[in-house]
Amino acid sequence: MGADAVSAGKPDPDGIYEAAAILGVSPFELLVVGDAVSDVHAARAAGSPVICVNYGYNYGTAIQKACPDTTLDTLASLPNIIARPNCFDVPGQGVTTPPVLAGSLRGRAMRPKGGAQF
């Protein structure tokens, strides 16, 4: 899903709400994988767990300072993380099942502003 598919870009959580609506899950069940501080802010605003890779471009600031749930040196380790849902500690949420990982998404769905219920 590209930035043109939603009304506001990151750090607004609109893209996460869109992905959750398309997949038919709650934003709390959607794992956000990113490489930037704006990914962390968007995930937190939506209530989603977030993992970041260490090699993104963050204007010289380590992604760990944005406090994602965890960081990865390589995406090859992502399946092992997803298999352990209890490793996610999202405030106010009890992630007990593997989160949904949104891949390439197409189309539009209703967001909370447009009537989708989460």
PDB file of N, CA and C in Angstrom:
ATOM      1  N   MET A   1       0.854  -1.151   0.000  1.00  0.00           N
ATOM      2  CA  MET A   1       0.000   0.000   0.000  1.00  0.00           C
ATOM      3  C   MET A   1       0.905   1.220   0.000  1.00  0.00           C
ATOM      4  N   GLY A   2       0.651   2.127  -0.865  1.00  0.00           N
ATOM      5  CA  GLY A   2       1.448   3.333  -0.949  1.00  0.00           C
ATOM      6  C   GLY A   2       0.818   4.482  -0.195  1.00  0.00           C
ATOM      7  N   ALA A   3       1.586   5.542  -0.032  1.00  0.00           N
ATOM      8  CA  ALA A   3       1.115   6.716   0.698  1.00  0.00           C
ATOM      9  C   ALA A   3      -0.112   7.343   0.053  1.00  0.00           C
ATOM     10  N   ASP A   4      -0.279   7.135  -1.257  1.00  0.00           N
ATOM     11  CA  ASP A   4      -1.432   7.725  -1.930  1.00  0.00           C
ATOM     12  C   ASP A   4      -2.733   6.971  -1.656  1.00  0.00           C
ATOM     13  N   ALA A   5      -2.670   5.850  -0.947  1.00  0.00           N
ATOM     14  CA  ALA A   5      -3.863   5.053  -0.655  1.00  0.00           C
ATOM     15  C   ALA A   5      -4.554   5.484   0.632  1.00  0.00           C
ATOM     16  N   VAL A   6      -3.931   6.377   1.379  1.00  0.00           N
ATOM     17  CA  VAL A   6      -4.513   6.828   2.642  1.00  0.00           C
ATOM     18  C   VAL A   6      -4.523   8.347   2.689  1.00  0.00           C
ATOM     19  N   SER A   7      -5.359   8.888   3.575  1.00  0.00           N
ATOM     20  CA  SER A   7      -5.499  10.345   3.622  1.00  0.00           C
ATOM     21  C   SER A   7      -4.336  11.040   4.307  1.00  0.00           C
ATOM     22  N   ALA A   8      -3.649  10.363   5.202  1.00  0.00           N
ATOM     23  CA  ALA A   8      -2.517  10.972   5.905  1.00  0.00           C
ATOM     24  C   ALA A   8      -1.386   9.964   6.005  1.00  0.00           C
ATOM     25  N   GLY A   9      -0.175  10.436   5.819  1.00  0.00           N
ATOM     26  CA  GLY A   9       0.986   9.555   5.904  1.00  0.00           C
ATOM     27  C   GLY A   9       1.488   9.406   7.328  1.00  0.00           C
ATOM     28  N   LYS A  10       2.491   8.544   7.476  1.00  0.00           N
ATOM     29  CA  LYS A  10       3.084   8.333   8.792  1.00  0.00           C
ATOM     30  C   LYS A  10       3.673   9.654   9.291  1.00  0.00           C
ATOM     31  N   PRO A  11       3.583   9.908  10.560  1.00  0.00           N
ATOM     32  CA  PRO A  11       3.268   9.018  11.676  1.00  0.00           C
ATOM     33  C   PRO A  11       1.788   8.852  11.980  1.00  0.00           C
ATOM     34  N   ASP A  12       0.890   9.413  11.159  1.00  0.00           N
ATOM     35  CA  ASP A  12      -0.536   9.173  11.337  1.00  0.00           C
ATOM     36  C   ASP A  12      -0.799   7.676  11.172  1.00  0.00           C
ATOM     37  N   PRO A  13      -1.637   7.071  12.002  1.00  0.00           N
ATOM     38  CA  PRO A  13      -1.875   5.625  11.922  1.00  0.00           C
ATOM     39  C   PRO A  13      -2.834   5.196  10.822  1.00  0.00           C
ATOM     40  N   ASP A  14      -3.239   6.099   9.956  1.00  0.00           N
ATOM     41  CA  ASP A  14      -4.236   5.804   8.919  1.00  0.00           C
ATOM     42  C   ASP A  14      -3.860   4.585   8.076  1.00  0.00           C
ATOM     43  N   GLY A  15      -2.592   4.460   7.698  1.00  0.00           N
ATOM     44  CA  GLY A  15      -2.168   3.318   6.891  1.00  0.00           C
ATOM     45  C   GLY A  15      -2.293   1.999   7.631  1.00  0.00           C
ATOM     46  N   ILE A  16      -2.072   2.018   8.927  1.00  0.00           N
ATOM     47  CA  ILE A  16      -2.219   0.799   9.735  1.00  0.00           C
ATOM     48  C   ILE A  16      -3.687   0.436   9.852  1.00  0.00           C
ATOM     49  N   TYR A  17      -4.548   1.434  10.061  1.00  0.00           N
ATOM     50  CA  TYR A  17      -5.987   1.156  10.089  1.00  0.00           C
ATOM     51  C   TYR A  17      -6.461   0.588   8.752  1.00  0.00           C
ATOM     52  N   GLU A  18      -5.936   1.119   7.675  1.00  0.00           N
ATOM     53  CA  GLU A  18      -6.299   0.636   6.333  1.00  0.00           C
ATOM     54  C   GLU A  18      -5.885  -0.830   6.173  1.00  0.00           C
ATOM     55  N   ALA A  19      -4.650  -1.144   6.541  1.00  0.00           N
ATOM     56  CA  ALA A  19      -4.162  -2.523   6.424  1.00  0.00           C
ATOM     57  C   ALA A  19      -4.989  -3.465   7.285  1.00  0.00           C
ATOM     58  N   ALA A  20      -5.298  -3.051   8.508  1.00  0.00           N
ATOM     59  CA  ALA A  20      -6.095  -3.889   9.404  1.00  0.00           C
ATOM     60  C   ALA A  20      -7.490  -4.133   8.822  1.00  0.00           C
ATOM     61  N   ALA A  21      -8.101  -3.093   8.272  1.00  0.00           N
ATOM     62  CA  ALA A  21      -9.431  -3.241   7.680  1.00  0.00           C
ATOM     63  C   ALA A  21      -9.407  -4.187   6.489  1.00  0.00           C
ATOM     64  N   ILE A  22      -8.400  -4.051   5.639  1.00  0.00           N
ATOM     65  CA  ILE A  22      -8.284  -4.933   4.475  1.00  0.00           C
ATOM     66  C   ILE A  22      -8.123  -6.379   4.897  1.00  0.00           C
ATOM     67  N   LEU A  23      -7.331  -6.606   5.941  1.00  0.00           N
ATOM     68  CA  LEU A  23      -7.067  -7.969   6.416  1.00  0.00           C
ATOM     69  C   LEU A  23      -8.141  -8.497   7.357  1.00  0.00           C
ATOM     70  N   GLY A  24      -9.045  -7.622   7.786  1.00  0.00           N
ATOM     71  CA  GLY A  24     -10.125  -8.044   8.671  1.00  0.00           C
ATOM     72  C   GLY A  24      -9.663  -8.359  10.084  1.00  0.00           C
ATOM     73  N   VAL A  25      -8.671  -7.623  10.563  1.00  0.00           N
ATOM     74  CA  VAL A  25      -8.176  -7.822  11.926  1.00  0.00           C
ATOM     75  C   VAL A  25      -8.154  -6.482  12.655  1.00  0.00           C
ATOM     76  N   SER A  26      -8.000  -6.555  13.942  1.00  0.00           N
ATOM     77  CA  SER A  26      -7.843  -5.357  14.756  1.00  0.00           C
ATOM     78  C   SER A  26      -6.425  -4.821  14.584  1.00  0.00           C
ATOM     79  N   PRO A  27      -6.213  -3.517  14.694  1.00  0.00           N
ATOM     80  CA  PRO A  27      -4.845  -2.983  14.644  1.00  0.00           C
ATOM     81  C   PRO A  27      -3.953  -3.583  15.733  1.00  0.00           C
ATOM     82  N   PHE A  28      -4.556  -4.047  16.844  1.00  0.00           N
ATOM     83  CA  PHE A  28      -3.786  -4.669  17.922  1.00  0.00           C
ATOM     84  C   PHE A  28      -3.182  -6.002  17.493  1.00  0.00           C
ATOM     85  N   GLU A  29      -3.750  -6.598  16.446  1.00  0.00           N
ATOM     86  CA  GLU A  29      -3.284  -7.892  15.952  1.00  0.00           C
ATOM     87  C   GLU A  29      -2.359  -7.773  14.754  1.00  0.00           C
ATOM     88  N   LEU A  30      -2.112  -6.559  14.306  1.00  0.00           N
ATOM     89  CA  LEU A  30      -1.328  -6.327  13.099  1.00  0.00           C
ATOM     90  C   LEU A  30       0.098  -5.938  13.476  1.00  0.00           C
ATOM     91  N   LEU A  31       1.046  -6.715  13.037  1.00  0.00           N
ATOM     92  CA  LEU A  31       2.448  -6.425  13.322  1.00  0.00           C
ATOM     93  C   LEU A  31       2.986  -5.448  12.285  1.00  0.00           C
ATOM     94  N   VAL A  32       3.489  -4.334  12.759  1.00  0.00           N
ATOM     95  CA  VAL A  32       4.099  -3.334  11.882  1.00  0.00           C
ATOM     96  C   VAL A  32       5.600  -3.611  11.850  1.00  0.00           C
ATOM     97  N   VAL A  33       6.140  -3.716  10.658  1.00  0.00           N
ATOM     98  CA  VAL A  33       7.579  -3.895  10.478  1.00  0.00           C
ATOM     99  C   VAL A  33       8.075  -2.681   9.721  1.00  0.00           C
ATOM    100  N   GLY A  34       9.028  -1.986  10.317  1.00  0.00           N
ATOM    101  CA  GLY A  34       9.492  -0.761   9.688  1.00  0.00           C
ATOM    102  C   GLY A  34      10.975  -0.529   9.874  1.00  0.00           C
ATOM    103  N   ASP A  35      11.389   0.661   9.451  1.00  0.00           N
ATOM    104  CA  ASP A  35      12.800   1.019   9.563  1.00  0.00           C
ATOM    105  C   ASP A  35      12.995   2.454  10.017  1.00  0.00           C
ATOM    106  N   ALA A  36      11.912   3.114  10.396  1.00  0.00           N
ATOM    107  CA  ALA A  36      12.014   4.534  10.716  1.00  0.00           C
ATOM    108  C   ALA A  36      11.225   4.886  11.976  1.00  0.00           C
ATOM    109  N   VAL A  37      11.595   5.995  12.570  1.00  0.00           N
ATOM    110  CA  VAL A  37      10.912   6.495  13.758  1.00  0.00           C
ATOM    111  C   VAL A  37       9.431   6.716  13.463  1.00  0.00           C
ATOM    112  N   SER A  38       9.108   7.184  12.265  1.00  0.00           N
ATOM    113  CA  SER A  38       7.699   7.407  11.923  1.00  0.00           C
ATOM    114  C   SER A  38       6.903   6.107  11.925  1.00  0.00           C
ATOM    115  N   ASP A  39       7.544   4.975  11.612  1.00  0.00           N
ATOM    116  CA  ASP A  39       6.864   3.676  11.689  1.00  0.00           C
ATOM    117  C   ASP A  39       6.499   3.352  13.135  1.00  0.00           C
ATOM    118  N   VAL A  40       7.412   3.629  14.052  1.00  0.00           N
ATOM    119  CA  VAL A  40       7.160   3.372  15.477  1.00  0.00           C
ATOM    120  C   VAL A  40       6.029   4.266  15.975  1.00  0.00           C
ATOM    121  N   HIS A  41       6.059   5.542  15.629  1.00  0.00           N
ATOM    122  CA  HIS A  41       5.013   6.465  16.076  1.00  0.00           C
ATOM    123  C   HIS A  41       3.642   6.072  15.526  1.00  0.00           C
ATOM    124  N   ALA A  42       3.591   5.676  14.268  1.00  0.00           N
ATOM    125  CA  ALA A  42       2.319   5.260  13.673  1.00  0.00           C
ATOM    126  C   ALA A  42       1.787   4.006  14.349  1.00  0.00           C
ATOM    127  N   ALA A  43       2.664   3.037  14.592  1.00  0.00           N
ATOM    128  CA  ALA A  43       2.251   1.794  15.251  1.00  0.00           C
ATOM    129  C   ALA A  43       1.735   2.072  16.655  1.00  0.00           C
ATOM    130  N   ARG A  44       2.429   2.895  17.397  1.00  0.00           N
ATOM    131  CA  ARG A  44       2.000   3.219  18.762  1.00  0.00           C
ATOM    132  C   ARG A  44       0.647   3.925  18.750  1.00  0.00           C
ATOM    133  N   ALA A  45       0.435   4.823  17.793  1.00  0.00           N
ATOM    134  CA  ALA A  45      -0.842   5.530  17.708  1.00  0.00           C
ATOM    135  C   ALA A  45      -1.990   4.580  17.400  1.00  0.00           C
ATOM    136  N   ALA A  46      -1.714   3.509  16.651  1.00  0.00           N
ATOM    137  CA  ALA A  46      -2.743   2.526  16.302  1.00  0.00           C
ATOM    138  C   ALA A  46      -2.874   1.430  17.347  1.00  0.00           C
ATOM    139  N   GLY A  47      -1.906   1.325  18.260  1.00  0.00           N
ATOM    140  CA  GLY A  47      -1.923   0.256  19.258  1.00  0.00           C
ATOM    141  C   GLY A  47      -1.345  -1.039  18.748  1.00  0.00           C
ATOM    142  N   SER A  48      -0.566  -0.965  17.674  1.00  0.00           N
ATOM    143  CA  SER A  48       0.007  -2.164  17.054  1.00  0.00           C
ATOM    144  C   SER A  48       1.408  -2.438  17.588  1.00  0.00           C
ATOM    145  N   PRO A  49       1.783  -3.726  17.680  1.00  0.00           N
ATOM    146  CA  PRO A  49       3.184  -4.036  17.980  1.00  0.00           C
ATOM    147  C   PRO A  49       4.043  -3.635  16.791  1.00  0.00           C
ATOM    148  N   VAL A  50       5.302  -3.293  17.056  1.00  0.00           N
ATOM    149  CA  VAL A  50       6.177  -2.825  15.976  1.00  0.00           C
ATOM    150  C   VAL A  50       7.589  -3.360  16.141  1.00  0.00           C
ATOM    151  N   ILE A  51       8.117  -3.832  15.034  1.00  0.00           N
ATOM    152  CA  ILE A  51       9.500  -4.316  14.946  1.00  0.00           C
ATOM    153  C   ILE A  51      10.196  -3.450  13.913  1.00  0.00           C
ATOM    154  N   CYS A  52      11.439  -3.077  14.201  1.00  0.00           N
ATOM    155  CA  CYS A  52      12.197  -2.286  13.230  1.00  0.00           C
ATOM    156  C   CYS A  52      13.523  -2.955  12.907  1.00  0.00           C
ATOM    157  N   VAL A  53      13.946  -2.764  11.682  1.00  0.00           N
ATOM    158  CA  VAL A  53      15.279  -3.223  11.289  1.00  0.00           C
ATOM    159  C   VAL A  53      16.285  -2.152  11.690  1.00  0.00           C
ATOM    160  N   ASN A  54      17.486  -2.582  11.992  1.00  0.00           N
ATOM    161  CA  ASN A  54      18.532  -1.672  12.462  1.00  0.00           C
ATOM    162  C   ASN A  54      19.155  -0.834  11.357  1.00  0.00           C
ATOM    163  N   TYR A  55      18.874  -1.159  10.103  1.00  0.00           N
ATOM    164  CA  TYR A  55      19.593  -0.522   9.018  1.00  0.00           C
ATOM    165  C   TYR A  55      18.790   0.539   8.260  1.00  0.00           C
ATOM    166  N   GLY A  56      17.713   1.026   8.833  1.00  0.00           N
ATOM    167  CA  GLY A  56      16.951   2.074   8.180  1.00  0.00           C
ATOM    168  C   GLY A  56      17.633   3.421   8.292  1.00  0.00           C
ATOM    169  N   TYR A  57      17.134   4.378   7.548  1.00  0.00           N
ATOM    170  CA  TYR A  57      17.701   5.721   7.574  1.00  0.00           C
ATOM    171  C   TYR A  57      16.931   6.574   8.573  1.00  0.00           C
ATOM    172  N   ASN A  58      17.584   6.943   9.653  1.00  0.00           N
ATOM    173  CA  ASN A  58      16.943   7.736  10.699  1.00  0.00           C
ATOM    174  C   ASN A  58      17.752   8.968  11.066  1.00  0.00           C
ATOM    175  N   TYR A  59      18.327   9.590  10.075  1.00  0.00           N
ATOM    176  CA  TYR A  59      19.054  10.837  10.283  1.00  0.00           C
ATOM    177  C   TYR A  59      20.150  10.694  11.330  1.00  0.00           C
ATOM    178  N   GLY A  60      20.811   9.534  11.343  1.00  0.00           N
ATOM    179  CA  GLY A  60      21.933   9.310  12.244  1.00  0.00           C
ATOM    180  C   GLY A  60      21.562   8.913  13.657  1.00  0.00           C
ATOM    181  N   THR A  61      20.287   8.709  13.941  1.00  0.00           N
ATOM    182  CA  THR A  61      19.837   8.304  15.274  1.00  0.00           C
ATOM    183  C   THR A  61      19.471   6.826  15.254  1.00  0.00           C
ATOM    184  N   ALA A  62      19.947   6.076  16.226  1.00  0.00           N
ATOM    185  CA  ALA A  62      19.639   4.640  16.300  1.00  0.00           C
ATOM    186  C   ALA A  62      18.139   4.436  16.495  1.00  0.00           C
ATOM    187  N   ILE A  63      17.569   3.488  15.770  1.00  0.00           N
ATOM    188  CA  ILE A  63      16.126   3.208  15.843  1.00  0.00           C
ATOM    189  C   ILE A  63      15.710   2.773  17.250  1.00  0.00           C
ATOM    190  N   GLN A  64      16.612   2.210  18.025  1.00  0.00           N
ATOM    191  CA  GLN A  64      16.304   1.766  19.382  1.00  0.00           C
ATOM    192  C   GLN A  64      15.807   2.917  20.258  1.00  0.00           C
ATOM    193  N   LYS A  65      16.235   4.136  19.958  1.00  0.00           N
ATOM    194  CA  LYS A  65      15.797   5.292  20.749  1.00  0.00           C
ATOM    195  C   LYS A  65      14.306   5.574  20.576  1.00  0.00           C
ATOM    196  N   ALA A  66      13.714   5.071  19.499  1.00  0.00           N
ATOM    197  CA  ALA A  66      12.278   5.239  19.276  1.00  0.00           C
ATOM    198  C   ALA A  66      11.464   4.194  20.035  1.00  0.00           C
ATOM    199  N   CYS A  67      12.138   3.225  20.637  1.00  0.00           N
ATOM    200  CA  CYS A  67      11.518   2.186  21.467  1.00  0.00           C
ATOM    201  C   CYS A  67      10.544   1.259  20.737  1.00  0.00           C
ATOM    202  N   PRO A  68      10.959   0.668  19.600  1.00  0.00           N
ATOM    203  CA  PRO A  68      10.107  -0.379  19.017  1.00  0.00           C
ATOM    204  C   PRO A  68      10.096  -1.576  19.966  1.00  0.00           C
ATOM    205  N   ASP A  69       9.187  -2.505  19.744  1.00  0.00           N
ATOM    206  CA  ASP A  69       9.119  -3.687  20.615  1.00  0.00           C
ATOM    207  C   ASP A  69      10.390  -4.508  20.536  1.00  0.00           C
ATOM    208  N   THR A  70      10.976  -4.564  19.363  1.00  0.00           N
ATOM    209  CA  THR A  70      12.272  -5.218  19.187  1.00  0.00           C
ATOM    210  C   THR A  70      12.886  -4.713  17.891  1.00  0.00           C
ATOM    211  N   THR A  71      14.164  -5.002  17.719  1.00  0.00           N
ATOM    212  CA  THR A  71      14.839  -4.639  16.477  1.00  0.00           C
ATOM    213  C   THR A  71      15.498  -5.881  15.897  1.00  0.00           C
ATOM    214  N   LEU A  72      15.709  -5.846  14.600  1.00  0.00           N
ATOM    215  CA  LEU A  72      16.310  -6.968  13.888  1.00  0.00           C
ATOM    216  C   LEU A  72      17.500  -6.488  13.073  1.00  0.00           C
ATOM    217  N   ASP A  73      18.512  -7.331  12.999  1.00  0.00           N
ATOM    218  CA  ASP A  73      19.638  -7.039  12.117  1.00  0.00           C
ATOM    219  C   ASP A  73      19.325  -7.455  10.686  1.00  0.00           C
ATOM    220  N   THR A  74      18.443  -8.430  10.542  1.00  0.00           N
ATOM    221  CA  THR A  74      18.064  -8.938   9.232  1.00  0.00           C
ATOM    222  C   THR A  74      16.609  -9.406   9.272  1.00  0.00           C
ATOM    223  N   LEU A  75      15.893  -9.224   8.187  1.00  0.00           N
ATOM    224  CA  LEU A  75      14.512  -9.700   8.122  1.00  0.00           C
ATOM    225  C   LEU A  75      14.418 -11.220   8.140  1.00  0.00           C
ATOM    226  N   ALA A  76      15.533 -11.900   7.903  1.00  0.00           N
ATOM    227  CA  ALA A  76      15.528 -13.362   7.935  1.00  0.00           C
ATOM    228  C   ALA A  76      15.132 -13.899   9.312  1.00  0.00           C
ATOM    229  N   SER A  77      15.309 -13.105  10.361  1.00  0.00           N
ATOM    230  CA  SER A  77      14.945 -13.554  11.705  1.00  0.00           C
ATOM    231  C   SER A  77      13.486 -13.241  12.058  1.00  0.00           C
ATOM    232  N   LEU A  78      12.770 -12.568  11.183  1.00  0.00           N
ATOM    233  CA  LEU A  78      11.383 -12.201  11.448  1.00  0.00           C
ATOM    234  C   LEU A  78      10.466 -13.405  11.716  1.00  0.00           C
ATOM    235  N   PRO A  79      10.542 -14.503  10.962  1.00  0.00           N
ATOM    236  CA  PRO A  79       9.657 -15.638  11.260  1.00  0.00           C
ATOM    237  C   PRO A  79       9.811 -16.177  12.686  1.00  0.00           C
ATOM    238  N   ASN A  80      11.010 -16.161  13.219  1.00  0.00           N
ATOM    239  CA  ASN A  80      11.213 -16.638  14.590  1.00  0.00           C
ATOM    240  C   ASN A  80      10.547 -15.712  15.601  1.00  0.00           C
ATOM    241  N   ILE A  81      10.555 -14.429  15.338  1.00  0.00           N
ATOM    242  CA  ILE A  81       9.913 -13.461  16.223  1.00  0.00           C
ATOM    243  C   ILE A  81       8.395 -13.624  16.165  1.00  0.00           C
ATOM    244  N   ILE A  82       7.851 -13.758  14.973  1.00  0.00           N
ATOM    245  CA  ILE A  82       6.405 -13.890  14.809  1.00  0.00           C
ATOM    246  C   ILE A  82       5.893 -15.150  15.495  1.00  0.00           C
ATOM    247  N   ALA A  83       6.682 -16.185  15.511  1.00  0.00           N
ATOM    248  CA  ALA A  83       6.270 -17.447  16.131  1.00  0.00           C
ATOM    249  C   ALA A  83       6.163 -17.342  17.652  1.00  0.00           C
ATOM    250  N   ARG A  84       6.683 -16.259  18.245  1.00  0.00           N
ATOM    251  CA  ARG A  84       6.638 -16.079  19.699  1.00  0.00           C
ATOM    252  C   ARG A  84       5.801 -14.845  20.040  1.00  0.00           C
ATOM    253  N   PRO A  85       4.476 -14.938  19.957  1.00  0.00           N
ATOM    254  CA  PRO A  85       3.646 -13.753  20.175  1.00  0.00           C
ATOM    255  C   PRO A  85       3.775 -13.159  21.568  1.00  0.00           C
ATOM    256  N   ASN A  86       4.147 -13.959  22.550  1.00  0.00           N
ATOM    257  CA  ASN A  86       4.260 -13.417  23.905  1.00  0.00           C
ATOM    258  C   ASN A  86       5.470 -12.506  24.072  1.00  0.00           C
ATOM    259  N   CYS A  87       6.300 -12.361  23.044  1.00  0.00           N
ATOM    260  CA  CYS A  87       7.455 -11.466  23.127  1.00  0.00           C
ATOM    261  C   CYS A  87       7.051 -10.020  22.918  1.00  0.00           C
ATOM    262  N   PHE A  88       5.803  -9.777  22.495  1.00  0.00           N
ATOM    263  CA  PHE A  88       5.337  -8.422  22.274  1.00  0.00           C
ATOM    264  C   PHE A  88       4.678  -7.897  23.534  1.00  0.00           C
ATOM    265  N   ASP A  89       5.125  -6.771  24.010  1.00  0.00           N
ATOM    266  CA  ASP A  89       4.565  -6.158  25.202  1.00  0.00           C
ATOM    267  C   ASP A  89       4.014  -4.799  24.819  1.00  0.00           C
ATOM    268  N   VAL A  90       2.814  -4.818  24.263  1.00  0.00           N
ATOM    269  CA  VAL A  90       2.178  -3.585  23.831  1.00  0.00           C
ATOM    270  C   VAL A  90       1.293  -3.110  24.975  1.00  0.00           C
ATOM    271  N   PRO A  91       1.521  -1.888  25.491  1.00  0.00           N
ATOM    272  CA  PRO A  91       0.746  -1.394  26.627  1.00  0.00           C
ATOM    273  C   PRO A  91      -0.753  -1.540  26.410  1.00  0.00           C
ATOM    274  N   GLY A  92      -1.416  -2.152  27.389  1.00  0.00           N
ATOM    275  CA  GLY A  92      -2.861  -2.305  27.327  1.00  0.00           C
ATOM    276  C   GLY A  92      -3.328  -3.453  26.454  1.00  0.00           C
ATOM    277  N   GLN A  93      -2.420  -4.171  25.831  1.00  0.00           N
ATOM    278  CA  GLN A  93      -2.809  -5.252  24.940  1.00  0.00           C
ATOM    279  C   GLN A  93      -2.152  -6.542  25.374  1.00  0.00           C
ATOM    280  N   GLY A  94      -2.850  -7.621  25.247  1.00  0.00           N
ATOM    281  CA  GLY A  94      -2.282  -8.926  25.509  1.00  0.00           C
ATOM    282  C   GLY A  94      -2.160  -9.694  24.212  1.00  0.00           C
ATOM    283  N   VAL A  95      -1.041  -9.594  23.538  1.00  0.00           N
ATOM    284  CA  VAL A  95      -0.849 -10.297  22.275  1.00  0.00           C
ATOM    285  C   VAL A  95      -0.511 -11.739  22.607  1.00  0.00           C
ATOM    286  N   THR A  96      -1.476 -12.640  22.395  1.00  0.00           N
ATOM    287  CA  THR A  96      -1.268 -14.041  22.747  1.00  0.00           C
ATOM    288  C   THR A  96      -1.279 -14.963  21.544  1.00  0.00           C
ATOM    289  N   THR A  97      -1.653 -14.434  20.400  1.00  0.00           N
ATOM    290  CA  THR A  97      -1.611 -15.225  19.176  1.00  0.00           C
ATOM    291  C   THR A  97      -0.663 -14.536  18.207  1.00  0.00           C
ATOM    292  N   PRO A  98      -0.096 -15.282  17.279  1.00  0.00           N
ATOM    293  CA  PRO A  98       0.813 -14.632  16.338  1.00  0.00           C
ATOM    294  C   PRO A  98       0.129 -13.482  15.615  1.00  0.00           C
ATOM    295  N   PRO A  99       0.770 -12.318  15.575  1.00  0.00           N
ATOM    296  CA  PRO A  99       0.150 -11.184  14.889  1.00  0.00           C
ATOM    297  C   PRO A  99       0.135 -11.384  13.386  1.00  0.00           C
ATOM    298  N   VAL A 100      -0.761 -10.688  12.734  1.00  0.00           N
ATOM    299  CA  VAL A 100      -0.857 -10.730  11.284  1.00  0.00           C
ATOM    300  C   VAL A 100       0.202  -9.793  10.726  1.00  0.00           C
ATOM    301  N   LEU A 101       0.918 -10.267   9.739  1.00  0.00           N
ATOM    302  CA  LEU A 101       1.930  -9.448   9.084  1.00  0.00           C
ATOM    303  C   LEU A 101       1.377  -8.999   7.750  1.00  0.00           C
ATOM    304  N   ALA A 102       1.197  -7.703   7.595  1.00  0.00           N
ATOM    305  CA  ALA A 102       0.651  -7.177   6.352  1.00  0.00           C
ATOM    306  C   ALA A 102       1.755  -7.057   5.321  1.00  0.00           C
ATOM    307  N   GLY A 103       1.556  -7.698   4.202  1.00  0.00           N
ATOM    308  CA  GLY A 103       2.498  -7.586   3.100  1.00  0.00           C
ATOM    309  C   GLY A 103       2.024  -6.496   2.156  1.00  0.00           C
ATOM    310  N   SER A 104       2.255  -6.696   0.891  1.00  0.00           N
ATOM    311  CA  SER A 104       1.832  -5.728  -0.106  1.00  0.00           C
ATOM    312  C   SER A 104       0.308  -5.720  -0.175  1.00  0.00           C
ATOM    313  N   LEU A 105      -0.281  -4.567   0.014  1.00  0.00           N
ATOM    314  CA  LEU A 105      -1.738  -4.462   0.032  1.00  0.00           C
ATOM    315  C   LEU A 105      -2.206  -3.600  -1.124  1.00  0.00           C
ATOM    316  N   ARG A 106      -3.361  -3.968  -1.678  1.00  0.00           N
ATOM    317  CA  ARG A 106      -3.953  -3.171  -2.751  1.00  0.00           C
ATOM    318  C   ARG A 106      -5.406  -2.926  -2.420  1.00  0.00           C
ATOM    319  N   GLY A 107      -5.939  -1.918  -2.999  1.00  0.00           N
ATOM    320  CA  GLY A 107      -7.345  -1.607  -2.794  1.00  0.00           C
ATOM    321  C   GLY A 107      -7.540  -0.683  -1.610  1.00  0.00           C
ATOM    322  N   ARG A 108      -8.785  -0.333  -1.390  1.00  0.00           N
ATOM    323  CA  ARG A 108      -9.111   0.565  -0.285  1.00  0.00           C
ATOM    324  C   ARG A 108     -10.191  -0.082   0.558  1.00  0.00           C
ATOM    325  N   ALA A 109     -10.147   0.164   1.818  1.00  0.00           N
ATOM    326  CA  ALA A 109     -11.176  -0.323   2.733  1.00  0.00           C
ATOM    327  C   ALA A 109     -11.552   0.830   3.654  1.00  0.00           C
ATOM    328  N   MET A 110     -12.612   0.627   4.394  1.00  0.00           N
ATOM    329  CA  MET A 110     -13.059   1.684   5.286  1.00  0.00           C
ATOM    330  C   MET A 110     -12.147   1.790   6.494  1.00  0.00           C
ATOM    331  N   ARG A 111     -11.792   2.985   6.846  1.00  0.00           N
ATOM    332  CA  ARG A 111     -10.994   3.257   8.038  1.00  0.00           C
ATOM    333  C   ARG A 111     -11.923   3.719   9.148  1.00  0.00           C
ATOM    334  N   PRO A 112     -11.429   3.839  10.384  1.00  0.00           N
ATOM    335  CA  PRO A 112     -12.289   4.288  11.471  1.00  0.00           C
ATOM    336  C   PRO A 112     -13.055   5.579  11.150  1.00  0.00           C
ATOM    337  N   LYS A 113     -12.404   6.511  10.469  1.00  0.00           N
ATOM    338  CA  LYS A 113     -13.086   7.763  10.116  1.00  0.00           C
ATOM    339  C   LYS A 113     -14.200   7.507   9.118  1.00  0.00           C
ATOM    340  N   GLY A 114     -14.055   6.431   8.337  1.00  0.00           N
ATOM    341  CA  GLY A 114     -15.022   6.133   7.300  1.00  0.00           C
ATOM    342  C   GLY A 114     -16.051   5.097   7.715  1.00  0.00           C
ATOM    343  N   GLY A 115     -16.013   4.644   8.949  1.00  0.00           N
ATOM    344  CA  GLY A 115     -17.030   3.733   9.426  1.00  0.00           C
ATOM    345  C   GLY A 115     -16.561   2.366   9.828  1.00  0.00           C
ATOM    346  N   ALA A 116     -15.306   1.989   9.575  1.00  0.00           N
ATOM    347  CA  ALA A 116     -14.833   0.669   9.999  1.00  0.00           C
ATOM    348  C   ALA A 116     -14.805   0.617  11.526  1.00  0.00           C
ATOM    349  N   GLN A 117     -15.158  -0.483  12.083  1.00  0.00           N
ATOM    350  CA  GLN A 117     -15.176  -0.639  13.531  1.00  0.00           C
ATOM    351  C   GLN A 117     -14.009  -1.477  13.990  1.00  0.00           C
ATOM    352  N   PHE A 118     -13.218  -0.957  14.917  1.00  0.00           N
ATOM    353  CA  PHE A 118     -12.097  -1.708  15.488  1.00  0.00           C
ATOM    354  C   PHE A 118     -12.282  -1.819  16.961  1.00  0.00           C
TER     355      PHE A 118
END
